[in-house]
Amino acid sequence: MKSKIMATVRFLGSGHELRKNNFNVMNKVALYTALLVSLFLTGCNSKPTIQSYFVENSDKKDFIVLDVAPSIINIDKTKLSAEQKTALASFDKMNVLAFKLDKTNKAQFETESNKVKEILKGKEYQELMKYGSGKDAASISFVGDENNISEFILYGKKEDNGFAVVRILGKDMNPNNIMNILSILKSSNIDMEQLKPLQAIMK
């Protein structure tokens, strides 16, 4: 009789362990499912950025991509104002992506330029200035807050030539920096060798 009771206890105990193991397995399945769904939703909700647009199009035949070093600016720094020196010190590098328009890619030109404009409407980008509209247009946007800007984006489009997107990357930049950097670029002896691949689109 005692052996039957012990056997019954062992049986009931094994059933408890079985239910416990099943519960643990179900918990793990639910956890992994939640993680997969979360990753899927994150991937679906991620919006394109100017950086991802550069990566996506850098090897395509209608695009020209350049990484421009600060050495492109050839200027006597002793003649710079304090603000210009600060702006130059904050400047790290420029990335340029240009689309060369020709007779065969007019439709693609419209599609790609609209993609850039839609990206720049995202919450990540704040528009600082805008020039013109329609056929010929340009804008300056930035990433970050006004006292700690990590990136300026210059976008320009000419109906007869194509469009270009310029990322000016740096540290602790502000809106005055971009105006000073553009002023320095305008008055400096630019190293055109770094811009050689862009000469075709400038013609």
N, C-alpha and C. Protein backbone atom coordinates (compact mmCIF):
# COMPACT_ATOMS: atom_id res chain seq x y z
N MET A 1 0.84 -1.22 0.00
CA MET A 1 0.00 0.00 0.00
C MET A 1 0.86 1.25 0.00
N LYS A 2 1.92 1.19 0.83
CA LYS A 2 2.83 2.34 0.94
C LYS A 2 3.51 2.62 -0.39
N SER A 3 3.89 1.53 -1.09
CA SER A 3 4.57 1.71 -2.38
C SER A 3 3.65 2.34 -3.41
N LYS A 4 2.34 1.99 -3.34
CA LYS A 4 1.37 2.59 -4.27
C LYS A 4 1.23 4.08 -4.02
N ILE A 5 1.20 4.46 -2.72
CA ILE A 5 1.09 5.89 -2.37
C ILE A 5 2.30 6.65 -2.87
N MET A 6 3.51 6.07 -2.67
CA MET A 6 4.74 6.73 -3.12
C MET A 6 4.76 6.88 -4.64
N ALA A 7 4.28 5.84 -5.31
CA ALA A 7 4.24 5.90 -6.78
C ALA A 7 3.30 6.99 -7.25
N THR A 8 2.16 7.12 -6.55
CA THR A 8 1.19 8.16 -6.90
C THR A 8 1.77 9.54 -6.67
N VAL A 9 2.51 9.72 -5.55
CA VAL A 9 3.13 11.00 -5.26
C VAL A 9 4.16 11.36 -6.32
N ARG A 10 4.95 10.32 -6.69
CA ARG A 10 5.96 10.57 -7.74
C ARG A 10 5.28 10.95 -9.05
N PHE A 11 4.20 10.29 -9.37
CA PHE A 11 3.47 10.58 -10.61
C PHE A 11 2.93 12.01 -10.62
N LEU A 12 2.31 12.37 -9.46
CA LEU A 12 1.78 13.73 -9.35
C LEU A 12 2.91 14.76 -9.42
N GLY A 13 4.03 14.42 -8.79
CA GLY A 13 5.17 15.34 -8.82
C GLY A 13 5.70 15.53 -10.22
N SER A 14 5.78 14.42 -10.99
CA SER A 14 6.26 14.52 -12.37
C SER A 14 5.30 15.35 -13.21
N GLY A 15 4.01 15.27 -12.93
CA GLY A 15 3.03 16.09 -13.64
C GLY A 15 3.22 17.56 -13.36
N HIS A 16 3.54 17.87 -12.10
CA HIS A 16 3.81 19.26 -11.71
C HIS A 16 5.03 19.79 -12.46
N GLU A 17 6.09 18.95 -12.52
CA GLU A 17 7.30 19.35 -13.23
C GLU A 17 7.02 19.55 -14.72
N LEU A 18 6.18 18.67 -15.27
CA LEU A 18 5.83 18.77 -16.68
C LEU A 18 5.12 20.09 -16.97
N ARG A 19 4.14 20.42 -16.09
CA ARG A 19 3.42 21.68 -16.28
C ARG A 19 4.37 22.87 -16.14
N LYS A 20 5.31 22.77 -15.19
CA LYS A 20 6.29 23.85 -14.96
C LYS A 20 7.18 24.04 -16.19
N ASN A 21 7.65 22.89 -16.75
CA ASN A 21 8.50 22.97 -17.94
C ASN A 21 7.75 23.55 -19.13
N ASN A 22 6.49 23.11 -19.29
CA ASN A 22 5.67 23.65 -20.38
C ASN A 22 5.47 25.15 -20.23
N PHE A 23 5.27 25.58 -18.99
CA PHE A 23 5.07 27.01 -18.70
C PHE A 23 6.32 27.80 -19.06
N ASN A 24 7.49 27.25 -18.71
CA ASN A 24 8.76 27.92 -19.03
C ASN A 24 8.98 28.01 -20.54
N VAL A 25 8.67 26.93 -21.25
CA VAL A 25 8.82 26.91 -22.71
C VAL A 25 7.90 27.96 -23.35
N MET A 26 6.66 28.01 -22.87
CA MET A 26 5.70 28.97 -23.41
C MET A 26 6.16 30.40 -23.15
N ASN A 27 6.72 30.63 -21.96
CA ASN A 27 7.25 31.97 -21.64
C ASN A 27 8.36 32.37 -22.59
N LYS A 28 9.27 31.43 -22.87
CA LYS A 28 10.38 31.71 -23.78
C LYS A 28 9.88 32.00 -25.19
N VAL A 29 8.92 31.18 -25.64
CA VAL A 29 8.34 31.39 -26.98
C VAL A 29 7.69 32.77 -27.07
N ALA A 30 6.95 33.14 -26.03
CA ALA A 30 6.28 34.46 -26.01
C ALA A 30 7.30 35.58 -26.02
N LEU A 31 8.41 35.40 -25.27
CA LEU A 31 9.45 36.42 -25.21
C LEU A 31 10.12 36.60 -26.57
N TYR A 32 10.51 35.47 -27.21
CA TYR A 32 11.16 35.55 -28.52
C TYR A 32 10.22 36.14 -29.57
N THR A 33 8.93 35.76 -29.48
CA THR A 33 7.95 36.30 -30.43
C THR A 33 7.84 37.81 -30.27
N ALA A 34 7.79 38.27 -29.02
CA ALA A 34 7.70 39.72 -28.76
C ALA A 34 8.92 40.45 -29.28
N LEU A 35 10.10 39.83 -29.10
CA LEU A 35 11.34 40.46 -29.59
C LEU A 35 11.34 40.55 -31.12
N LEU A 36 10.91 39.47 -31.78
CA LEU A 36 10.86 39.47 -33.24
C LEU A 36 9.89 40.51 -33.78
N VAL A 37 8.72 40.58 -33.15
CA VAL A 37 7.71 41.57 -33.56
C VAL A 37 8.25 42.98 -33.36
N SER A 38 8.94 43.19 -32.23
CA SER A 38 9.51 44.51 -31.94
C SER A 38 10.54 44.90 -32.98
N LEU A 39 11.42 43.96 -33.33
CA LEU A 39 12.44 44.23 -34.34
C LEU A 39 11.80 44.50 -35.70
N PHE A 40 10.77 43.72 -36.02
CA PHE A 40 10.08 43.91 -37.30
C PHE A 40 9.44 45.28 -37.38
N LEU A 41 8.76 45.68 -36.30
CA LEU A 41 8.09 46.98 -36.29
C LEU A 41 9.10 48.12 -36.33
N THR A 42 10.23 47.95 -35.64
CA THR A 42 11.28 48.97 -35.66
C THR A 42 11.81 49.14 -37.06
N GLY A 43 12.03 48.00 -37.75
CA GLY A 43 12.53 48.07 -39.13
C GLY A 43 11.53 48.73 -40.05
N CYS A 44 10.25 48.44 -39.84
CA CYS A 44 9.22 49.01 -40.71
C CYS A 44 9.05 50.51 -40.48
N ASN A 45 9.24 50.94 -39.22
CA ASN A 45 9.01 52.34 -38.88
C ASN A 45 10.22 53.22 -39.13
N SER A 46 11.41 52.61 -39.37
CA SER A 46 12.60 53.41 -39.59
C SER A 46 12.49 54.15 -40.91
N LYS A 47 12.70 55.45 -40.85
CA LYS A 47 12.57 56.28 -42.05
C LYS A 47 13.94 56.55 -42.65
N PRO A 48 14.00 56.77 -43.96
CA PRO A 48 15.29 57.05 -44.58
C PRO A 48 15.87 58.38 -44.10
N THR A 49 17.18 58.44 -44.06
CA THR A 49 17.89 59.66 -43.68
C THR A 49 18.77 60.09 -44.84
N ILE A 50 19.32 61.29 -44.74
CA ILE A 50 20.24 61.74 -45.79
C ILE A 50 21.46 60.81 -45.83
N GLN A 51 21.92 60.38 -44.66
CA GLN A 51 23.06 59.46 -44.61
C GLN A 51 22.75 58.15 -45.33
N SER A 52 21.57 57.56 -45.05
CA SER A 52 21.20 56.31 -45.70
C SER A 52 20.98 56.52 -47.21
N TYR A 53 20.53 57.71 -47.58
CA TYR A 53 20.35 58.03 -49.01
C TYR A 53 21.71 58.05 -49.71
N PHE A 54 22.73 58.61 -49.05
CA PHE A 54 24.09 58.61 -49.60
C PHE A 54 24.56 57.17 -49.82
N VAL A 55 24.40 56.34 -48.79
CA VAL A 55 24.86 54.95 -48.86
C VAL A 55 24.15 54.19 -49.97
N GLU A 56 22.84 54.40 -50.08
CA GLU A 56 22.02 53.69 -51.07
C GLU A 56 22.41 54.03 -52.51
N ASN A 57 22.84 55.28 -52.73
CA ASN A 57 23.05 55.74 -54.10
C ASN A 57 24.52 55.97 -54.49
N SER A 58 25.43 55.74 -53.58
CA SER A 58 26.84 56.09 -53.83
C SER A 58 27.46 55.32 -54.99
N ASP A 59 26.94 54.12 -55.28
CA ASP A 59 27.53 53.31 -56.36
C ASP A 59 26.71 53.33 -57.65
N LYS A 60 25.64 54.11 -57.68
CA LYS A 60 24.80 54.14 -58.88
C LYS A 60 25.39 55.05 -59.95
N LYS A 61 25.19 54.69 -61.19
CA LYS A 61 25.89 55.33 -62.30
C LYS A 61 25.55 56.80 -62.50
N ASP A 62 24.36 57.24 -62.13
CA ASP A 62 23.97 58.63 -62.36
C ASP A 62 24.41 59.57 -61.22
N PHE A 63 25.05 58.98 -60.20
CA PHE A 63 25.46 59.77 -59.06
C PHE A 63 26.98 59.91 -58.97
N ILE A 64 27.40 61.02 -58.43
CA ILE A 64 28.82 61.26 -58.12
C ILE A 64 28.90 61.49 -56.62
N VAL A 65 29.81 60.77 -55.95
CA VAL A 65 29.95 60.94 -54.51
C VAL A 65 31.39 61.33 -54.17
N LEU A 66 31.51 62.27 -53.24
CA LEU A 66 32.82 62.77 -52.82
C LEU A 66 32.90 62.92 -51.31
N ASP A 67 34.05 62.62 -50.75
CA ASP A 67 34.35 62.96 -49.36
C ASP A 67 35.43 64.04 -49.41
N VAL A 68 35.08 65.21 -48.90
CA VAL A 68 35.97 66.37 -49.01
C VAL A 68 36.57 66.68 -47.65
N ALA A 69 37.90 66.75 -47.59
CA ALA A 69 38.61 67.01 -46.34
C ALA A 69 38.72 68.52 -46.09
N PRO A 70 38.96 68.92 -44.82
CA PRO A 70 39.13 70.36 -44.52
C PRO A 70 40.27 71.01 -45.29
N SER A 71 41.20 70.18 -45.78
CA SER A 71 42.35 70.73 -46.53
C SER A 71 41.92 71.39 -47.83
N ILE A 72 40.64 71.22 -48.22
CA ILE A 72 40.15 71.90 -49.44
C ILE A 72 40.22 73.41 -49.27
N ILE A 73 40.13 73.87 -48.02
CA ILE A 73 40.16 75.31 -47.73
C ILE A 73 41.61 75.77 -47.59
N ASN A 74 42.06 76.54 -48.54
CA ASN A 74 43.42 77.05 -48.54
C ASN A 74 43.37 78.56 -48.32
N ILE A 75 43.57 78.98 -47.08
CA ILE A 75 43.40 80.39 -46.74
C ILE A 75 44.37 80.79 -45.64
N ASP A 76 44.76 82.03 -45.62
CA ASP A 76 45.62 82.58 -44.58
C ASP A 76 44.78 82.77 -43.31
N LYS A 77 44.97 81.90 -42.34
CA LYS A 77 44.14 81.92 -41.13
C LYS A 77 44.36 83.16 -40.28
N THR A 78 45.47 83.83 -40.48
CA THR A 78 45.73 85.05 -39.69
C THR A 78 44.78 86.18 -40.10
N LYS A 79 44.20 86.05 -41.28
CA LYS A 79 43.28 87.08 -41.77
C LYS A 79 41.82 86.80 -41.40
N LEU A 80 41.59 85.69 -40.73
CA LEU A 80 40.23 85.33 -40.35
C LEU A 80 39.82 86.04 -39.07
N SER A 81 38.51 86.32 -38.96
CA SER A 81 37.98 86.90 -37.72
C SER A 81 37.87 85.79 -36.67
N ALA A 82 37.63 86.17 -35.43
CA ALA A 82 37.49 85.19 -34.34
C ALA A 82 36.35 84.22 -34.63
N GLU A 83 35.23 84.74 -35.15
CA GLU A 83 34.08 83.89 -35.47
C GLU A 83 34.41 82.91 -36.60
N GLN A 84 35.16 83.37 -37.59
CA GLN A 84 35.55 82.51 -38.71
C GLN A 84 36.49 81.41 -38.24
N LYS A 85 37.40 81.73 -37.34
CA LYS A 85 38.32 80.73 -36.80
C LYS A 85 37.55 79.67 -36.01
N THR A 86 36.58 80.12 -35.23
CA THR A 86 35.75 79.18 -34.46
C THR A 86 34.97 78.26 -35.39
N ALA A 87 34.41 78.83 -36.45
CA ALA A 87 33.64 78.05 -37.43
C ALA A 87 34.53 77.03 -38.12
N LEU A 88 35.74 77.45 -38.48
CA LEU A 88 36.67 76.55 -39.17
C LEU A 88 37.11 75.42 -38.26
N ALA A 89 37.28 75.72 -36.97
CA ALA A 89 37.69 74.70 -36.00
C ALA A 89 36.59 73.66 -35.78
N SER A 90 35.34 74.07 -35.96
CA SER A 90 34.21 73.15 -35.75
C SER A 90 33.96 72.25 -36.95
N PHE A 91 34.53 72.60 -38.09
CA PHE A 91 34.31 71.89 -39.35
C PHE A 91 35.17 70.64 -39.41
N ASP A 92 34.54 69.49 -39.68
CA ASP A 92 35.25 68.21 -39.74
C ASP A 92 35.47 67.76 -41.19
N LYS A 93 34.37 67.60 -41.93
CA LYS A 93 34.49 67.16 -43.33
C LYS A 93 33.18 67.41 -44.06
N MET A 94 33.24 67.25 -45.37
CA MET A 94 32.04 67.37 -46.21
C MET A 94 31.86 66.09 -47.02
N ASN A 95 30.60 65.66 -47.11
CA ASN A 95 30.23 64.58 -48.02
C ASN A 95 29.34 65.18 -49.11
N VAL A 96 29.65 64.88 -50.35
CA VAL A 96 28.89 65.43 -51.47
C VAL A 96 28.32 64.29 -52.30
N LEU A 97 27.02 64.39 -52.61
CA LEU A 97 26.37 63.46 -53.52
C LEU A 97 25.66 64.27 -54.58
N ALA A 98 26.02 64.05 -55.84
CA ALA A 98 25.43 64.84 -56.93
C ALA A 98 24.83 63.93 -57.98
N PHE A 99 23.71 64.37 -58.51
CA PHE A 99 23.03 63.64 -59.59
C PHE A 99 23.22 64.43 -60.87
N LYS A 100 23.83 63.79 -61.88
CA LYS A 100 24.09 64.44 -63.17
C LYS A 100 22.94 64.18 -64.12
N LEU A 101 22.24 65.25 -64.48
CA LEU A 101 21.08 65.14 -65.39
C LEU A 101 21.53 65.05 -66.84
N ASP A 102 20.90 64.14 -67.59
CA ASP A 102 21.13 64.08 -69.04
C ASP A 102 19.81 63.76 -69.74
N LYS A 103 19.85 63.51 -71.02
CA LYS A 103 18.62 63.30 -71.80
C LYS A 103 17.90 62.01 -71.45
N THR A 104 18.63 61.07 -70.85
CA THR A 104 18.04 59.74 -70.61
C THR A 104 17.48 59.54 -69.20
N ASN A 105 17.77 60.45 -68.27
CA ASN A 105 17.37 60.19 -66.88
C ASN A 105 16.52 61.30 -66.26
N LYS A 106 15.78 61.99 -67.10
CA LYS A 106 14.93 63.08 -66.62
C LYS A 106 13.92 62.61 -65.58
N ALA A 107 13.26 61.47 -65.83
CA ALA A 107 12.26 60.95 -64.91
C ALA A 107 12.92 60.56 -63.58
N GLN A 108 14.09 59.94 -63.67
CA GLN A 108 14.80 59.55 -62.45
C GLN A 108 15.24 60.78 -61.65
N PHE A 109 15.64 61.83 -62.37
CA PHE A 109 16.03 63.09 -61.73
C PHE A 109 14.89 63.63 -60.87
N GLU A 110 13.67 63.62 -61.42
CA GLU A 110 12.50 64.11 -60.67
C GLU A 110 12.22 63.22 -59.46
N THR A 111 12.31 61.89 -59.68
CA THR A 111 12.05 60.94 -58.59
C THR A 111 13.04 61.12 -57.45
N GLU A 112 14.32 61.19 -57.80
CA GLU A 112 15.37 61.28 -56.77
C GLU A 112 15.36 62.63 -56.05
N SER A 113 15.14 63.69 -56.79
CA SER A 113 15.11 65.01 -56.13
C SER A 113 13.91 65.11 -55.18
N ASN A 114 12.80 64.48 -55.55
CA ASN A 114 11.62 64.46 -54.66
C ASN A 114 11.90 63.62 -53.41
N LYS A 115 12.67 62.53 -53.56
CA LYS A 115 13.03 61.71 -52.41
C LYS A 115 13.82 62.53 -51.39
N VAL A 116 14.79 63.31 -51.89
CA VAL A 116 15.61 64.14 -51.00
C VAL A 116 14.74 65.16 -50.27
N LYS A 117 13.85 65.79 -51.01
CA LYS A 117 12.98 66.80 -50.39
C LYS A 117 12.09 66.19 -49.32
N GLU A 118 11.60 64.97 -49.56
CA GLU A 118 10.76 64.29 -48.56
C GLU A 118 11.56 63.93 -47.31
N ILE A 119 12.79 63.47 -47.51
CA ILE A 119 13.64 63.14 -46.36
C ILE A 119 13.87 64.38 -45.50
N LEU A 120 14.12 65.51 -46.15
CA LEU A 120 14.42 66.76 -45.43
C LEU A 120 13.18 67.32 -44.71
N LYS A 121 12.01 66.78 -45.01
CA LYS A 121 10.80 67.19 -44.29
C LYS A 121 10.65 66.43 -42.96
N GLY A 122 11.51 65.44 -42.73
CA GLY A 122 11.44 64.65 -41.52
C GLY A 122 11.74 65.46 -40.27
N LYS A 123 11.29 64.93 -39.12
CA LYS A 123 11.44 65.63 -37.84
C LYS A 123 12.91 65.83 -37.46
N GLU A 124 13.78 64.97 -37.98
CA GLU A 124 15.20 65.03 -37.64
C GLU A 124 15.86 66.30 -38.18
N TYR A 125 15.28 66.85 -39.26
CA TYR A 125 15.90 67.97 -39.96
C TYR A 125 15.13 69.26 -39.74
N GLN A 126 15.86 70.31 -39.42
CA GLN A 126 15.26 71.62 -39.25
C GLN A 126 15.76 72.55 -40.36
N GLU A 127 14.82 73.15 -41.05
CA GLU A 127 15.19 74.03 -42.16
C GLU A 127 15.66 75.39 -41.64
N LEU A 128 16.83 75.80 -42.09
CA LEU A 128 17.40 77.07 -41.67
C LEU A 128 17.12 78.15 -42.71
N MET A 129 17.31 77.81 -43.97
CA MET A 129 17.09 78.77 -45.06
C MET A 129 16.59 78.05 -46.30
N LYS A 130 15.89 78.80 -47.13
CA LYS A 130 15.40 78.24 -48.39
C LYS A 130 15.45 79.32 -49.45
N TYR A 131 15.91 78.94 -50.65
CA TYR A 131 16.02 79.89 -51.75
C TYR A 131 15.28 79.32 -52.96
N GLY A 132 14.50 80.15 -53.61
CA GLY A 132 13.84 79.76 -54.84
C GLY A 132 12.86 78.61 -54.66
N SER A 133 12.28 78.20 -55.76
CA SER A 133 11.34 77.08 -55.78
C SER A 133 11.17 76.62 -57.21
N GLY A 134 10.51 75.50 -57.38
CA GLY A 134 10.26 75.01 -58.74
C GLY A 134 11.51 74.47 -59.39
N LYS A 135 11.86 75.01 -60.55
CA LYS A 135 12.97 74.46 -61.35
C LYS A 135 14.31 74.59 -60.65
N ASP A 136 14.63 75.76 -60.14
CA ASP A 136 15.90 76.00 -59.45
C ASP A 136 15.62 76.35 -58.00
N ALA A 137 16.22 75.59 -57.08
CA ALA A 137 15.95 75.81 -55.67
C ALA A 137 17.15 75.36 -54.83
N ALA A 138 17.22 75.88 -53.61
CA ALA A 138 18.28 75.49 -52.69
C ALA A 138 17.78 75.65 -51.26
N SER A 139 18.36 74.88 -50.35
CA SER A 139 17.98 74.99 -48.95
C SER A 139 19.15 74.60 -48.06
N ILE A 140 19.09 75.08 -46.81
CA ILE A 140 20.06 74.68 -45.78
C ILE A 140 19.27 74.16 -44.60
N SER A 141 19.55 72.94 -44.18
CA SER A 141 18.90 72.33 -43.01
C SER A 141 19.98 71.86 -42.05
N PHE A 142 19.57 71.50 -40.83
CA PHE A 142 20.56 71.02 -39.87
C PHE A 142 19.98 69.94 -38.98
N VAL A 143 20.90 69.18 -38.34
CA VAL A 143 20.53 68.13 -37.39
C VAL A 143 21.06 68.53 -36.02
N GLY A 144 20.19 68.47 -34.99
CA GLY A 144 20.59 68.84 -33.64
C GLY A 144 19.84 70.08 -33.19
N ASP A 145 20.28 70.64 -32.05
CA ASP A 145 19.69 71.91 -31.64
C ASP A 145 20.61 73.06 -32.05
N GLU A 146 20.13 74.27 -31.95
CA GLU A 146 20.83 75.41 -32.54
C GLU A 146 22.20 75.67 -31.93
N ASN A 147 22.46 75.18 -30.73
CA ASN A 147 23.76 75.40 -30.09
C ASN A 147 24.66 74.17 -30.12
N ASN A 148 24.16 73.10 -30.69
CA ASN A 148 24.96 71.87 -30.76
C ASN A 148 24.59 71.11 -32.03
N ILE A 149 24.92 71.68 -33.16
CA ILE A 149 24.58 71.10 -34.46
C ILE A 149 25.70 70.16 -34.89
N SER A 150 25.32 68.94 -35.28
CA SER A 150 26.31 67.95 -35.71
C SER A 150 26.43 67.87 -37.23
N GLU A 151 25.43 68.41 -37.92
CA GLU A 151 25.41 68.25 -39.38
C GLU A 151 24.56 69.33 -40.04
N PHE A 152 25.11 69.95 -41.06
CA PHE A 152 24.34 70.83 -41.93
C PHE A 152 24.13 70.12 -43.26
N ILE A 153 22.97 70.29 -43.86
CA ILE A 153 22.68 69.69 -45.17
C ILE A 153 22.34 70.80 -46.14
N LEU A 154 23.13 70.92 -47.18
CA LEU A 154 22.88 71.89 -48.25
C LEU A 154 22.32 71.12 -49.44
N TYR A 155 21.19 71.57 -49.92
CA TYR A 155 20.56 70.92 -51.07
C TYR A 155 20.34 71.96 -52.16
N GLY A 156 20.78 71.64 -53.37
CA GLY A 156 20.59 72.55 -54.48
C GLY A 156 20.17 71.81 -55.74
N LYS A 157 19.26 72.41 -56.51
CA LYS A 157 18.75 71.77 -57.73
C LYS A 157 18.72 72.78 -58.86
N LYS A 158 19.25 72.38 -60.00
CA LYS A 158 19.14 73.19 -61.22
C LYS A 158 18.52 72.32 -62.30
N GLU A 159 17.46 72.80 -62.89
CA GLU A 159 16.68 72.01 -63.85
C GLU A 159 17.52 71.53 -65.03
N ASP A 160 18.55 72.29 -65.40
CA ASP A 160 19.36 71.93 -66.57
C ASP A 160 20.57 71.06 -66.23
N ASN A 161 20.95 70.99 -64.96
CA ASN A 161 22.18 70.30 -64.59
C ASN A 161 21.97 69.05 -63.73
N GLY A 162 21.05 69.14 -62.76
CA GLY A 162 20.87 68.06 -61.82
C GLY A 162 20.71 68.61 -60.41
N PHE A 163 21.08 67.83 -59.42
CA PHE A 163 21.02 68.32 -58.05
C PHE A 163 22.20 67.80 -57.25
N ALA A 164 22.46 68.45 -56.12
CA ALA A 164 23.55 68.02 -55.25
C ALA A 164 23.11 68.15 -53.80
N VAL A 165 23.58 67.22 -52.98
CA VAL A 165 23.34 67.27 -51.54
C VAL A 165 24.72 67.29 -50.87
N VAL A 166 24.93 68.25 -49.98
CA VAL A 166 26.21 68.38 -49.28
C VAL A 166 25.97 68.25 -47.78
N ARG A 167 26.65 67.30 -47.17
CA ARG A 167 26.62 67.16 -45.71
C ARG A 167 27.88 67.79 -45.13
N ILE A 168 27.72 68.82 -44.32
CA ILE A 168 28.85 69.43 -43.62
C ILE A 168 28.81 68.92 -42.19
N LEU A 169 29.81 68.12 -41.84
CA LEU A 169 29.85 67.48 -40.53
C LEU A 169 30.86 68.18 -39.63
N GLY A 170 30.52 68.26 -38.35
CA GLY A 170 31.43 68.91 -37.41
C GLY A 170 30.98 68.68 -35.99
N LYS A 171 31.48 69.51 -35.09
CA LYS A 171 31.12 69.36 -33.68
C LYS A 171 30.79 70.73 -33.10
N ASP A 172 29.77 70.75 -32.25
CA ASP A 172 29.36 71.97 -31.56
C ASP A 172 29.17 73.15 -32.52
N MET A 173 28.55 72.88 -33.67
CA MET A 173 28.32 73.94 -34.65
C MET A 173 27.02 74.67 -34.33
N ASN A 174 26.88 75.87 -34.88
CA ASN A 174 25.65 76.65 -34.73
C ASN A 174 25.36 77.34 -36.06
N PRO A 175 24.19 77.96 -36.22
CA PRO A 175 23.85 78.58 -37.50
C PRO A 175 24.87 79.60 -38.00
N ASN A 176 25.54 80.31 -37.10
CA ASN A 176 26.56 81.26 -37.54
C ASN A 176 27.74 80.56 -38.20
N ASN A 177 28.04 79.34 -37.71
CA ASN A 177 29.16 78.58 -38.26
C ASN A 177 29.00 78.33 -39.75
N ILE A 178 27.79 77.89 -40.15
CA ILE A 178 27.60 77.54 -41.56
C ILE A 178 27.76 78.76 -42.45
N MET A 179 27.28 79.93 -41.99
CA MET A 179 27.43 81.13 -42.80
C MET A 179 28.90 81.52 -42.90
N ASN A 180 29.63 81.36 -41.81
CA ASN A 180 31.06 81.67 -41.83
C ASN A 180 31.86 80.69 -42.68
N ILE A 181 31.48 79.41 -42.60
CA ILE A 181 32.16 78.40 -43.41
C ILE A 181 31.93 78.67 -44.90
N LEU A 182 30.70 79.00 -45.26
CA LEU A 182 30.40 79.32 -46.67
C LEU A 182 31.16 80.57 -47.11
N SER A 183 31.27 81.54 -46.21
CA SER A 183 32.02 82.76 -46.52
C SER A 183 33.50 82.45 -46.73
N ILE A 184 34.06 81.57 -45.89
CA ILE A 184 35.46 81.18 -46.02
C ILE A 184 35.69 80.43 -47.33
N LEU A 185 34.77 79.51 -47.65
CA LEU A 185 34.88 78.75 -48.91
C LEU A 185 34.87 79.67 -50.11
N LYS A 186 34.03 80.71 -50.04
CA LYS A 186 33.90 81.64 -51.16
C LYS A 186 35.17 82.45 -51.38
N SER A 187 35.85 82.81 -50.29
CA SER A 187 37.02 83.69 -50.41
C SER A 187 38.35 82.94 -50.43
N SER A 188 38.32 81.61 -50.21
CA SER A 188 39.58 80.86 -50.15
C SER A 188 39.98 80.33 -51.52
N ASN A 189 41.23 79.92 -51.60
CA ASN A 189 41.71 79.25 -52.81
C ASN A 189 41.39 77.77 -52.67
N ILE A 190 40.25 77.38 -53.20
CA ILE A 190 39.79 76.00 -53.03
C ILE A 190 40.67 75.03 -53.82
N ASP A 191 41.00 73.91 -53.19
CA ASP A 191 41.75 72.85 -53.83
C ASP A 191 40.82 72.13 -54.81
N MET A 192 40.87 72.55 -56.07
CA MET A 192 39.94 72.02 -57.07
C MET A 192 40.20 70.55 -57.39
N GLU A 193 41.37 70.05 -57.04
CA GLU A 193 41.68 68.64 -57.30
C GLU A 193 40.69 67.73 -56.56
N GLN A 194 40.29 68.15 -55.35
CA GLN A 194 39.33 67.35 -54.58
C GLN A 194 37.94 67.39 -55.21
N LEU A 195 37.67 68.44 -55.98
CA LEU A 195 36.36 68.60 -56.60
C LEU A 195 36.34 68.18 -58.07
N LYS A 196 37.41 67.59 -58.52
CA LYS A 196 37.52 67.24 -59.94
C LYS A 196 36.35 66.39 -60.44
N PRO A 197 35.90 65.37 -59.69
CA PRO A 197 34.77 64.57 -60.18
C PRO A 197 33.48 65.36 -60.36
N LEU A 198 33.39 66.52 -59.71
CA LEU A 198 32.18 67.33 -59.81
C LEU A 198 32.19 68.30 -61.00
N GLN A 199 33.32 68.43 -61.65
CA GLN A 199 33.43 69.42 -62.71
C GLN A 199 32.44 69.15 -63.85
N ALA A 200 32.15 67.86 -64.09
CA ALA A 200 31.22 67.52 -65.16
C ALA A 200 29.83 68.07 -64.89
N ILE A 201 29.39 68.00 -63.63
CA ILE A 201 28.05 68.47 -63.30
C ILE A 201 27.99 70.00 -63.22
N MET A 202 29.14 70.65 -63.06
CA MET A 202 29.18 72.10 -62.97
C MET A 202 29.14 72.76 -64.34
N LYS A 203 29.39 72.00 -65.39
CA LYS A 203 29.45 72.57 -66.75
C LYS A 203 28.07 73.01 -67.22
